[in-house]
Amino acid sequence: ASAAATAESAAERLRSWAGEPEGAAARLLGAVEAWMLRPTEETKAEFMKRDWIARIAEGPRPLIVVQMAGAKAATSSGVASRPTEEYAQAVRAWASSPAAADAPWGKGIARKCVVFVVSDGDEALVAMRKLLEGKEAGPCHFTVTGLQGHWAHHHTKEGWPGKLHNQDGRWAALDILFDIDVLARADALLATASSPIARL
């Protein structure tokens, strides 16, 4: 009876808030979404592992995230992926822009800038490292990182279209959630508009 009364009280409060101005309803919806989608302690621990493996755990700023559509995405969508060099050029252009120079990490002094690569395969990280690792542009001295191999189940042939199940499917989902988390932390995000992850 006590649980039913509590549930009814909560429902009544939701109904009363829903009748308030639009701004209040939007804030309520945001709070409910944040609660429903909150990460568990286990998920937070997995994110911390990936932060450390990708060398971005409390690392230097800026964090530049490049979300690239690879071969698997191109096959499933029918849209050709852009050359890695175009993404690298965009990263260099951003690092040389007034926005980067005026930021707290700028000041015209070369410093470590982390480029995190998000894609549907390990090859994107390998290609970007060849183009940017150790190079400089503006105040940035680039280091390129990302997840691959065992820590990127969603890069596999079965993982990308969501065909993994049980424990493997769970790991693939965690890897994708981590990519989204990193995108949300980016100081600069270079991505494809066709990607639902980038739009999110």
N, C-alpha and C. Protein backbone atom coordinates (compact mmCIF):
# COMPACT_ATOMS: atom_id res chain seq x y z
N ALA A 1 0.83 -1.19 0.00
CA ALA A 1 0.00 0.00 0.00
C ALA A 1 0.87 1.25 0.00
N SER A 2 1.94 1.21 0.79
CA SER A 2 2.84 2.35 0.87
C SER A 2 3.49 2.64 -0.48
N ALA A 3 3.93 1.58 -1.20
CA ALA A 3 4.55 1.77 -2.51
C ALA A 3 3.56 2.34 -3.50
N ALA A 4 2.29 1.85 -3.44
CA ALA A 4 1.27 2.35 -4.34
C ALA A 4 0.98 3.82 -4.08
N ALA A 5 0.96 4.21 -2.80
CA ALA A 5 0.71 5.60 -2.45
C ALA A 5 1.84 6.50 -2.93
N THR A 6 3.06 6.01 -2.79
CA THR A 6 4.22 6.79 -3.25
C THR A 6 4.18 6.98 -4.75
N ALA A 7 3.84 5.89 -5.48
CA ALA A 7 3.77 5.97 -6.94
C ALA A 7 2.68 6.94 -7.37
N GLU A 8 1.53 6.89 -6.70
CA GLU A 8 0.42 7.79 -7.04
C GLU A 8 0.80 9.24 -6.76
N SER A 9 1.52 9.47 -5.66
CA SER A 9 1.96 10.82 -5.32
C SER A 9 2.91 11.37 -6.38
N ALA A 10 3.85 10.50 -6.84
CA ALA A 10 4.79 10.91 -7.88
C ALA A 10 4.06 11.20 -9.18
N ALA A 11 3.08 10.37 -9.52
CA ALA A 11 2.31 10.58 -10.75
C ALA A 11 1.55 11.89 -10.69
N GLU A 12 0.99 12.20 -9.52
CA GLU A 12 0.24 13.44 -9.37
C GLU A 12 1.15 14.66 -9.53
N ARG A 13 2.35 14.56 -9.00
CA ARG A 13 3.31 15.67 -9.14
C ARG A 13 3.69 15.85 -10.61
N LEU A 14 3.87 14.74 -11.32
CA LEU A 14 4.18 14.83 -12.75
C LEU A 14 3.04 15.50 -13.51
N ARG A 15 1.80 15.13 -13.16
CA ARG A 15 0.65 15.72 -13.84
C ARG A 15 0.56 17.22 -13.57
N SER A 16 0.85 17.62 -12.34
CA SER A 16 0.78 19.04 -12.00
C SER A 16 1.88 19.83 -12.70
N TRP A 17 3.10 19.23 -12.79
CA TRP A 17 4.20 19.91 -13.47
C TRP A 17 3.93 20.01 -14.97
N ALA A 18 3.27 18.99 -15.52
CA ALA A 18 2.99 19.01 -16.96
C ALA A 18 2.10 20.18 -17.34
N GLY A 19 1.31 20.68 -16.37
CA GLY A 19 0.44 21.80 -16.66
C GLY A 19 1.11 23.15 -16.51
N GLU A 20 2.38 23.17 -16.10
CA GLU A 20 3.11 24.43 -15.94
C GLU A 20 3.61 24.92 -17.30
N PRO A 21 4.20 26.14 -17.35
CA PRO A 21 4.70 26.68 -18.62
C PRO A 21 5.64 25.73 -19.33
N GLU A 22 5.79 25.95 -20.64
CA GLU A 22 6.56 25.03 -21.48
C GLU A 22 7.97 24.81 -20.97
N GLY A 23 8.61 25.86 -20.48
CA GLY A 23 9.98 25.74 -19.99
C GLY A 23 10.10 24.74 -18.86
N ALA A 24 9.12 24.76 -17.95
CA ALA A 24 9.14 23.83 -16.82
C ALA A 24 8.98 22.41 -17.30
N ALA A 25 8.07 22.19 -18.28
CA ALA A 25 7.86 20.84 -18.81
C ALA A 25 9.13 20.33 -19.48
N ALA A 26 9.83 21.22 -20.20
CA ALA A 26 11.06 20.81 -20.87
C ALA A 26 12.12 20.42 -19.85
N ARG A 27 12.20 21.19 -18.76
CA ARG A 27 13.19 20.87 -17.72
C ARG A 27 12.85 19.53 -17.06
N LEU A 28 11.55 19.30 -16.86
CA LEU A 28 11.12 18.03 -16.27
C LEU A 28 11.49 16.87 -17.17
N LEU A 29 11.23 17.02 -18.48
CA LEU A 29 11.55 15.96 -19.42
C LEU A 29 13.05 15.69 -19.42
N GLY A 30 13.84 16.75 -19.38
CA GLY A 30 15.29 16.58 -19.36
C GLY A 30 15.75 15.84 -18.11
N ALA A 31 15.14 16.17 -16.97
CA ALA A 31 15.50 15.49 -15.72
C ALA A 31 15.15 14.01 -15.77
N VAL A 32 13.95 13.70 -16.31
CA VAL A 32 13.52 12.30 -16.42
C VAL A 32 14.46 11.53 -17.35
N GLU A 33 14.82 12.13 -18.49
CA GLU A 33 15.73 11.47 -19.42
C GLU A 33 17.09 11.23 -18.78
N ALA A 34 17.60 12.22 -18.06
CA ALA A 34 18.90 12.07 -17.41
C ALA A 34 18.87 10.94 -16.39
N TRP A 35 17.74 10.81 -15.67
CA TRP A 35 17.61 9.75 -14.67
C TRP A 35 17.52 8.38 -15.33
N MET A 36 16.69 8.27 -16.37
CA MET A 36 16.49 6.99 -17.03
C MET A 36 17.75 6.51 -17.74
N LEU A 37 18.53 7.44 -18.29
CA LEU A 37 19.71 7.07 -19.07
C LEU A 37 21.01 7.18 -18.27
N ARG A 38 20.92 7.33 -16.96
CA ARG A 38 22.12 7.50 -16.15
C ARG A 38 22.98 6.23 -16.23
N PRO A 39 24.31 6.38 -16.32
CA PRO A 39 25.18 5.20 -16.36
C PRO A 39 25.26 4.51 -15.01
N THR A 40 25.37 3.22 -15.00
CA THR A 40 25.56 2.47 -13.76
C THR A 40 27.01 2.60 -13.33
N GLU A 41 27.30 2.19 -12.11
CA GLU A 41 28.68 2.24 -11.62
C GLU A 41 29.58 1.35 -12.48
N GLU A 42 29.03 0.22 -12.94
CA GLU A 42 29.81 -0.67 -13.80
C GLU A 42 30.15 0.02 -15.12
N THR A 43 29.17 0.73 -15.69
CA THR A 43 29.42 1.44 -16.95
C THR A 43 30.47 2.53 -16.76
N LYS A 44 30.37 3.26 -15.65
CA LYS A 44 31.37 4.29 -15.35
C LYS A 44 32.77 3.69 -15.26
N ALA A 45 32.87 2.51 -14.63
CA ALA A 45 34.17 1.85 -14.51
C ALA A 45 34.70 1.45 -15.88
N GLU A 46 33.82 0.96 -16.76
CA GLU A 46 34.25 0.59 -18.11
C GLU A 46 34.70 1.82 -18.89
N PHE A 47 34.01 2.94 -18.70
CA PHE A 47 34.42 4.18 -19.35
C PHE A 47 35.80 4.62 -18.87
N MET A 48 36.04 4.47 -17.57
CA MET A 48 37.35 4.85 -17.02
C MET A 48 38.46 4.01 -17.61
N LYS A 49 38.20 2.71 -17.81
CA LYS A 49 39.19 1.83 -18.45
C LYS A 49 39.52 2.35 -19.85
N ARG A 50 38.48 2.69 -20.60
CA ARG A 50 38.69 3.13 -21.98
C ARG A 50 39.37 4.50 -22.03
N ASP A 51 39.05 5.36 -21.07
CA ASP A 51 39.75 6.64 -20.96
C ASP A 51 41.25 6.42 -20.82
N TRP A 52 41.59 5.47 -19.96
CA TRP A 52 43.01 5.19 -19.70
C TRP A 52 43.67 4.55 -20.91
N ILE A 53 43.00 3.58 -21.51
CA ILE A 53 43.56 2.88 -22.67
C ILE A 53 43.76 3.84 -23.84
N ALA A 54 42.82 4.76 -24.04
CA ALA A 54 42.91 5.71 -25.14
C ALA A 54 43.76 6.93 -24.78
N ARG A 55 44.27 6.95 -23.57
CA ARG A 55 45.16 8.02 -23.10
C ARG A 55 44.48 9.39 -23.09
N ILE A 56 43.22 9.42 -22.70
CA ILE A 56 42.53 10.70 -22.57
C ILE A 56 42.02 10.94 -21.16
N ALA A 57 42.40 10.07 -20.22
CA ALA A 57 41.96 10.23 -18.83
C ALA A 57 42.62 11.47 -18.24
N GLU A 58 41.80 12.50 -18.02
CA GLU A 58 42.28 13.77 -17.47
C GLU A 58 43.50 14.26 -18.24
N GLY A 59 43.46 14.03 -19.54
CA GLY A 59 44.59 14.43 -20.37
C GLY A 59 44.56 15.90 -20.70
N PRO A 60 45.50 16.33 -21.54
CA PRO A 60 45.59 17.75 -21.90
C PRO A 60 44.42 18.16 -22.79
N ARG A 61 44.18 19.44 -22.85
CA ARG A 61 43.18 19.97 -23.76
C ARG A 61 43.91 20.72 -24.86
N PRO A 62 43.34 20.86 -26.03
CA PRO A 62 41.99 20.46 -26.34
C PRO A 62 41.85 18.99 -26.72
N LEU A 63 40.63 18.50 -26.63
CA LEU A 63 40.29 17.17 -27.12
C LEU A 63 39.54 17.35 -28.43
N ILE A 64 40.14 16.90 -29.52
CA ILE A 64 39.55 17.04 -30.85
C ILE A 64 39.03 15.67 -31.26
N VAL A 65 37.73 15.56 -31.50
CA VAL A 65 37.15 14.27 -31.87
C VAL A 65 36.79 14.28 -33.35
N VAL A 66 37.27 13.26 -34.05
CA VAL A 66 36.99 13.11 -35.48
C VAL A 66 36.13 11.87 -35.65
N GLN A 67 34.89 12.05 -36.07
CA GLN A 67 33.98 10.94 -36.30
C GLN A 67 33.92 10.68 -37.80
N MET A 68 34.50 9.56 -38.22
CA MET A 68 34.64 9.25 -39.64
C MET A 68 33.75 8.09 -40.03
N ALA A 69 33.05 8.23 -41.14
CA ALA A 69 32.27 7.12 -41.68
C ALA A 69 33.22 6.22 -42.47
N GLY A 70 33.36 4.98 -42.02
CA GLY A 70 34.26 4.06 -42.69
C GLY A 70 33.57 3.18 -43.71
N ALA A 71 34.24 2.11 -44.08
CA ALA A 71 33.75 1.24 -45.14
C ALA A 71 32.42 0.59 -44.79
N LYS A 72 32.24 0.16 -43.54
CA LYS A 72 30.99 -0.52 -43.16
C LYS A 72 29.81 0.44 -43.25
N ALA A 73 29.99 1.67 -42.76
CA ALA A 73 28.90 2.65 -42.83
C ALA A 73 28.59 3.00 -44.27
N ALA A 74 29.62 3.10 -45.09
CA ALA A 74 29.40 3.43 -46.51
C ALA A 74 28.62 2.32 -47.20
N THR A 75 28.92 1.08 -46.85
CA THR A 75 28.22 -0.05 -47.46
C THR A 75 26.75 -0.09 -47.06
N SER A 76 26.48 0.18 -45.78
CA SER A 76 25.10 0.10 -45.28
C SER A 76 24.26 1.29 -45.72
N SER A 77 24.88 2.47 -45.89
CA SER A 77 24.12 3.67 -46.25
C SER A 77 24.14 3.97 -47.73
N GLY A 78 25.12 3.41 -48.44
CA GLY A 78 25.25 3.70 -49.86
C GLY A 78 25.91 5.03 -50.15
N VAL A 79 26.41 5.70 -49.08
CA VAL A 79 27.09 6.99 -49.25
C VAL A 79 28.59 6.78 -49.08
N ALA A 80 29.36 7.22 -50.07
CA ALA A 80 30.81 7.02 -50.04
C ALA A 80 31.43 7.79 -48.88
N SER A 81 32.38 7.16 -48.19
CA SER A 81 33.07 7.83 -47.09
C SER A 81 34.10 8.80 -47.65
N ARG A 82 34.37 9.87 -46.91
CA ARG A 82 35.32 10.88 -47.35
C ARG A 82 36.74 10.43 -47.04
N PRO A 83 37.72 10.85 -47.84
CA PRO A 83 39.12 10.45 -47.60
C PRO A 83 39.61 10.93 -46.23
N THR A 84 40.44 10.13 -45.59
CA THR A 84 40.98 10.50 -44.29
C THR A 84 41.73 11.82 -44.36
N GLU A 85 42.39 12.10 -45.47
CA GLU A 85 43.15 13.33 -45.63
C GLU A 85 42.27 14.56 -45.46
N GLU A 86 41.01 14.49 -45.89
CA GLU A 86 40.10 15.63 -45.73
C GLU A 86 39.84 15.91 -44.26
N TYR A 87 39.68 14.86 -43.46
CA TYR A 87 39.49 15.04 -42.03
C TYR A 87 40.75 15.62 -41.39
N ALA A 88 41.90 15.12 -41.81
CA ALA A 88 43.17 15.62 -41.27
C ALA A 88 43.35 17.10 -41.61
N GLN A 89 43.00 17.49 -42.83
CA GLN A 89 43.08 18.89 -43.22
C GLN A 89 42.17 19.76 -42.36
N ALA A 90 40.98 19.24 -42.07
CA ALA A 90 40.04 19.99 -41.23
C ALA A 90 40.57 20.16 -39.81
N VAL A 91 41.22 19.13 -39.28
CA VAL A 91 41.82 19.23 -37.95
C VAL A 91 42.92 20.28 -37.94
N ARG A 92 43.79 20.26 -38.95
CA ARG A 92 44.87 21.24 -39.03
C ARG A 92 44.32 22.66 -39.18
N ALA A 93 43.25 22.80 -39.97
CA ALA A 93 42.64 24.12 -40.17
C ALA A 93 42.05 24.64 -38.86
N TRP A 94 41.39 23.76 -38.10
CA TRP A 94 40.83 24.19 -36.82
C TRP A 94 41.94 24.61 -35.87
N ALA A 95 43.01 23.83 -35.80
CA ALA A 95 44.12 24.14 -34.89
C ALA A 95 44.78 25.47 -35.24
N SER A 96 44.73 25.84 -36.51
CA SER A 96 45.37 27.08 -36.95
C SER A 96 44.40 28.27 -36.92
N SER A 97 43.16 28.04 -36.51
CA SER A 97 42.14 29.09 -36.55
C SER A 97 42.27 30.02 -35.34
N PRO A 98 41.71 31.24 -35.43
CA PRO A 98 41.71 32.16 -34.28
C PRO A 98 41.03 31.57 -33.05
N ALA A 99 40.00 30.72 -33.27
CA ALA A 99 39.30 30.12 -32.14
C ALA A 99 40.24 29.28 -31.28
N ALA A 100 41.13 28.52 -31.93
CA ALA A 100 42.09 27.70 -31.18
C ALA A 100 43.17 28.57 -30.55
N ALA A 101 43.63 29.59 -31.29
CA ALA A 101 44.70 30.45 -30.78
C ALA A 101 44.25 31.25 -29.57
N ASP A 102 42.97 31.65 -29.52
CA ASP A 102 42.45 32.46 -28.43
C ASP A 102 41.99 31.65 -27.23
N ALA A 103 41.92 30.34 -27.38
CA ALA A 103 41.47 29.48 -26.29
C ALA A 103 42.53 29.40 -25.20
N PRO A 104 42.14 28.94 -23.99
CA PRO A 104 43.11 28.86 -22.88
C PRO A 104 44.35 28.04 -23.20
N TRP A 105 44.22 27.05 -24.10
CA TRP A 105 45.37 26.21 -24.43
C TRP A 105 46.20 26.80 -25.57
N GLY A 106 45.82 27.94 -26.11
CA GLY A 106 46.50 28.54 -27.26
C GLY A 106 47.75 29.29 -26.86
N LYS A 107 47.72 30.57 -26.96
CA LYS A 107 48.83 31.44 -26.59
C LYS A 107 50.05 31.26 -27.48
N GLY A 108 49.86 30.63 -28.66
CA GLY A 108 50.95 30.53 -29.61
C GLY A 108 52.04 29.54 -29.25
N ILE A 109 51.83 28.76 -28.19
CA ILE A 109 52.86 27.79 -27.75
C ILE A 109 52.39 26.39 -28.11
N ALA A 110 53.22 25.65 -28.84
CA ALA A 110 52.86 24.29 -29.24
C ALA A 110 52.63 23.43 -28.00
N ARG A 111 51.52 22.72 -27.96
CA ARG A 111 51.23 21.85 -26.83
C ARG A 111 50.51 20.61 -27.34
N LYS A 112 50.42 19.61 -26.50
CA LYS A 112 49.79 18.35 -26.89
C LYS A 112 48.30 18.53 -27.09
N CYS A 113 47.81 18.20 -28.27
CA CYS A 113 46.38 18.22 -28.58
C CYS A 113 45.99 16.79 -28.96
N VAL A 114 45.01 16.24 -28.26
CA VAL A 114 44.60 14.86 -28.47
C VAL A 114 43.53 14.79 -29.55
N VAL A 115 43.78 13.96 -30.57
CA VAL A 115 42.79 13.71 -31.62
C VAL A 115 42.24 12.30 -31.40
N PHE A 116 40.95 12.21 -31.04
CA PHE A 116 40.32 10.91 -30.78
C PHE A 116 39.50 10.55 -32.01
N VAL A 117 39.77 9.37 -32.58
CA VAL A 117 39.10 8.95 -33.82
C VAL A 117 37.96 7.98 -33.50
N VAL A 118 36.78 8.32 -33.98
CA VAL A 118 35.60 7.47 -33.84
C VAL A 118 35.20 7.00 -35.24
N SER A 119 35.07 5.69 -35.43
CA SER A 119 34.69 5.18 -36.75
C SER A 119 34.07 3.80 -36.59
N ASP A 120 33.91 3.10 -37.73
CA ASP A 120 33.34 1.76 -37.70
C ASP A 120 34.38 0.68 -37.93
N GLY A 121 35.66 1.07 -37.88
CA GLY A 121 36.73 0.09 -38.08
C GLY A 121 38.06 0.60 -37.57
N ASP A 122 38.98 -0.32 -37.29
CA ASP A 122 40.30 0.06 -36.78
C ASP A 122 41.12 0.83 -37.80
N GLU A 123 40.83 0.64 -39.09
CA GLU A 123 41.68 1.24 -40.12
C GLU A 123 41.66 2.76 -40.10
N ALA A 124 40.57 3.37 -39.61
CA ALA A 124 40.48 4.83 -39.57
C ALA A 124 41.52 5.40 -38.62
N LEU A 125 41.70 4.77 -37.47
CA LEU A 125 42.69 5.23 -36.49
C LEU A 125 44.09 5.10 -37.06
N VAL A 126 44.37 3.98 -37.70
CA VAL A 126 45.69 3.76 -38.30
C VAL A 126 45.99 4.82 -39.35
N ALA A 127 45.02 5.10 -40.20
CA ALA A 127 45.22 6.08 -41.28
C ALA A 127 45.43 7.49 -40.72
N MET A 128 44.67 7.86 -39.69
CA MET A 128 44.80 9.20 -39.12
C MET A 128 46.13 9.38 -38.41
N ARG A 129 46.61 8.32 -37.77
CA ARG A 129 47.92 8.41 -37.12
C ARG A 129 49.03 8.69 -38.12
N LYS A 130 48.94 8.08 -39.28
CA LYS A 130 49.96 8.32 -40.31
C LYS A 130 49.99 9.77 -40.74
N LEU A 131 48.84 10.44 -40.70
CA LEU A 131 48.74 11.81 -41.19
C LEU A 131 49.00 12.87 -40.13
N LEU A 132 48.67 12.57 -38.86
CA LEU A 132 48.74 13.63 -37.85
C LEU A 132 49.66 13.36 -36.66
N GLU A 133 49.94 12.11 -36.35
CA GLU A 133 50.72 11.80 -35.14
C GLU A 133 52.07 12.52 -35.17
N GLY A 134 52.32 13.32 -34.13
CA GLY A 134 53.58 14.03 -34.01
C GLY A 134 53.70 15.29 -34.84
N LYS A 135 52.67 15.60 -35.63
CA LYS A 135 52.71 16.80 -36.47
C LYS A 135 52.21 18.02 -35.67
N GLU A 136 52.45 19.22 -36.21
CA GLU A 136 52.04 20.44 -35.54
C GLU A 136 51.23 21.33 -36.47
N ALA A 137 50.31 22.09 -35.86
CA ALA A 137 49.55 23.11 -36.58
C ALA A 137 49.06 24.10 -35.54
N GLY A 138 49.29 25.38 -35.77
CA GLY A 138 48.92 26.37 -34.76
C GLY A 138 49.60 26.06 -33.44
N PRO A 139 48.86 26.10 -32.32
CA PRO A 139 49.47 25.78 -31.03
C PRO A 139 49.49 24.29 -30.72
N CYS A 140 49.03 23.46 -31.66
CA CYS A 140 48.86 22.02 -31.39
C CYS A 140 50.03 21.17 -31.85
N HIS A 141 50.44 20.27 -30.98
CA HIS A 141 51.32 19.15 -31.31
C HIS A 141 50.45 17.92 -31.15
N PHE A 142 50.09 17.28 -32.28
CA PHE A 142 49.04 16.27 -32.26
C PHE A 142 49.51 14.90 -31.76
N THR A 143 48.64 14.28 -30.98
CA THR A 143 48.75 12.86 -30.67
C THR A 143 47.40 12.25 -31.00
N VAL A 144 47.41 11.15 -31.73
CA VAL A 144 46.17 10.54 -32.25
C VAL A 144 45.87 9.25 -31.49
N THR A 145 44.63 9.11 -31.04
CA THR A 145 44.25 7.94 -30.27
C THR A 145 42.83 7.51 -30.61
N GLY A 146 42.40 6.42 -30.02
CA GLY A 146 41.07 5.87 -30.27
C GLY A 146 41.04 4.43 -29.76
N LEU A 147 39.91 3.79 -29.89
CA LEU A 147 39.78 2.40 -29.48
C LEU A 147 39.88 1.48 -30.68
N GLN A 148 40.48 0.32 -30.47
CA GLN A 148 40.60 -0.66 -31.55
C GLN A 148 40.75 -2.05 -30.95
N GLY A 149 40.65 -3.05 -31.81
CA GLY A 149 40.83 -4.43 -31.36
C GLY A 149 39.83 -4.85 -30.31
N HIS A 150 40.32 -5.42 -29.21
CA HIS A 150 39.48 -5.94 -28.14
C HIS A 150 38.56 -4.88 -27.55
N TRP A 151 38.97 -3.62 -27.58
CA TRP A 151 38.20 -2.54 -26.97
C TRP A 151 37.27 -1.86 -27.96
N ALA A 152 37.08 -2.46 -29.11
CA ALA A 152 36.18 -1.88 -30.11
C ALA A 152 35.37 -3.00 -30.77
N HIS A 153 34.50 -3.63 -29.99
CA HIS A 153 33.69 -4.72 -30.52
C HIS A 153 32.78 -4.25 -31.65
N HIS A 154 32.38 -2.97 -31.62
CA HIS A 154 31.50 -2.45 -32.65
C HIS A 154 32.21 -2.27 -33.99
N HIS A 155 33.53 -2.49 -34.03
CA HIS A 155 34.26 -2.42 -35.29
C HIS A 155 34.21 -3.72 -36.09
N THR A 156 33.78 -4.79 -35.45
CA THR A 156 33.77 -6.08 -36.13
C THR A 156 32.66 -6.14 -37.17
N LYS A 157 32.76 -7.11 -38.06
CA LYS A 157 31.76 -7.26 -39.13
C LYS A 157 30.37 -7.47 -38.56
N GLU A 158 30.28 -8.23 -37.46
CA GLU A 158 28.99 -8.51 -36.85
C GLU A 158 28.58 -7.39 -35.89
N GLY A 159 29.56 -6.70 -35.32
CA GLY A 159 29.27 -5.67 -34.32
C GLY A 159 28.68 -4.41 -34.90
N TRP A 160 29.15 -4.00 -36.08
CA TRP A 160 28.67 -2.74 -36.65
C TRP A 160 27.17 -2.77 -36.93
N PRO A 161 26.62 -3.80 -37.57
CA PRO A 161 25.16 -3.79 -37.82
C PRO A 161 24.34 -4.24 -36.62
N GLY A 162 24.98 -4.45 -35.47
CA GLY A 162 24.24 -4.83 -34.27
C GLY A 162 23.84 -6.29 -34.21
N LYS A 163 24.64 -7.17 -34.79
CA LYS A 163 24.29 -8.59 -34.83
C LYS A 163 24.95 -9.40 -33.72
N LEU A 164 25.71 -8.75 -32.86
CA LEU A 164 26.32 -9.47 -31.75
C LEU A 164 25.28 -9.65 -30.65
N HIS A 165 25.39 -10.74 -29.89
CA HIS A 165 24.41 -11.04 -28.86
C HIS A 165 25.12 -11.37 -27.55
N ASN A 166 24.32 -11.41 -26.49
CA ASN A 166 24.81 -11.79 -25.16
C ASN A 166 25.97 -10.89 -24.75
N GLN A 167 27.05 -11.48 -24.22
CA GLN A 167 28.16 -10.67 -23.69
C GLN A 167 28.83 -9.84 -24.76
N ASP A 168 29.01 -10.40 -25.97
CA ASP A 168 29.65 -9.64 -27.04
C ASP A 168 28.79 -8.44 -27.43
N GLY A 169 27.48 -8.62 -27.47
CA GLY A 169 26.58 -7.52 -27.78
C GLY A 169 26.64 -6.43 -26.72
N ARG A 170 26.78 -6.85 -25.46
CA ARG A 170 26.88 -5.89 -24.37
C ARG A 170 28.15 -5.06 -24.50
N TRP A 171 29.26 -5.74 -24.83
CA TRP A 171 30.53 -5.00 -24.98
C TRP A 171 30.45 -4.03 -26.14
N ALA A 172 29.84 -4.45 -27.24
CA ALA A 172 29.70 -3.56 -28.39
C ALA A 172 28.88 -2.32 -28.03
N ALA A 173 27.82 -2.52 -27.25
CA ALA A 173 26.99 -1.39 -26.83
C ALA A 173 27.79 -0.43 -25.95
N LEU A 174 28.60 -0.99 -25.04
CA LEU A 174 29.43 -0.16 -24.18
C LEU A 174 30.43 0.66 -25.00
N ASP A 175 31.01 0.03 -26.01
CA ASP A 175 31.99 0.73 -26.86
C ASP A 175 31.33 1.90 -27.58
N ILE A 176 30.12 1.70 -28.07
CA ILE A 176 29.40 2.78 -28.76
C ILE A 176 29.04 3.89 -27.77
N LEU A 177 28.58 3.52 -26.59
CA LEU A 177 28.25 4.53 -25.58
C LEU A 177 29.48 5.33 -25.19
N PHE A 178 30.64 4.68 -25.13
CA PHE A 178 31.86 5.41 -24.81
C PHE A 178 32.20 6.41 -25.91
N ASP A 179 32.05 6.00 -27.17
CA ASP A 179 32.28 6.92 -28.28
C ASP A 179 31.39 8.16 -28.14
N ILE A 180 30.12 7.94 -27.80
CA ILE A 180 29.18 9.05 -27.64
C ILE A 180 29.62 9.95 -26.49
N ASP A 181 30.08 9.34 -25.40
CA ASP A 181 30.55 10.10 -24.24
C ASP A 181 31.74 10.99 -24.62
N VAL A 182 32.66 10.44 -25.40
CA VAL A 182 33.82 11.23 -25.82
C VAL A 182 33.40 12.37 -26.75
N LEU A 183 32.48 12.09 -27.68
CA LEU A 183 31.98 13.14 -28.56
C LEU A 183 31.40 14.29 -27.74
N ALA A 184 30.71 13.97 -26.65
CA ALA A 184 30.08 15.00 -25.82
C ALA A 184 31.12 15.84 -25.09
N ARG A 185 32.32 15.30 -24.88
CA ARG A 185 33.37 16.03 -24.16
C ARG A 185 34.29 16.83 -25.08
N ALA A 186 34.08 16.73 -26.38
CA ALA A 186 35.02 17.31 -27.33
C ALA A 186 35.04 18.84 -27.26
N ASP A 187 36.26 19.40 -27.39
CA ASP A 187 36.41 20.84 -27.56
C ASP A 187 36.18 21.21 -29.02
N ALA A 188 36.48 20.28 -29.90
CA ALA A 188 36.20 20.47 -31.33
C ALA A 188 35.71 19.14 -31.87
N LEU A 189 34.62 19.16 -32.62
CA LEU A 189 34.04 17.93 -33.18
C LEU A 189 33.94 18.06 -34.69
N LEU A 190 34.61 17.15 -35.39
CA LEU A 190 34.56 17.09 -36.84
C LEU A 190 33.87 15.78 -37.20
N ALA A 191 32.70 15.87 -37.81
CA ALA A 191 31.90 14.66 -38.00
C ALA A 191 31.09 14.75 -39.28
N THR A 192 30.47 13.62 -39.62
CA THR A 192 29.60 13.56 -40.79
C THR A 192 28.16 13.78 -40.35
N ALA A 193 27.45 14.65 -41.05
CA ALA A 193 26.07 14.96 -40.69
C ALA A 193 25.14 13.77 -40.84
N SER A 194 25.56 12.78 -41.65
CA SER A 194 24.71 11.60 -41.86
C SER A 194 24.76 10.63 -40.70
N SER A 195 25.68 10.83 -39.76
CA SER A 195 25.84 9.90 -38.63
C SER A 195 24.86 10.24 -37.51
N PRO A 196 24.00 9.29 -37.12
CA PRO A 196 23.10 9.56 -36.00
C PRO A 196 23.85 9.76 -34.69
N ILE A 197 25.02 9.11 -34.54
CA ILE A 197 25.82 9.29 -33.33
C ILE A 197 26.35 10.71 -33.25
N ALA A 198 26.88 11.23 -34.35
CA ALA A 198 27.39 12.60 -34.36
C ALA A 198 26.27 13.61 -34.13
N ARG A 199 25.09 13.36 -34.73
CA ARG A 199 23.96 14.28 -34.54
C ARG A 199 23.51 14.27 -33.08
N LEU A 200 23.54 13.10 -32.46
CA LEU A 200 23.17 12.99 -31.07
C LEU A 200 24.12 13.80 -30.20
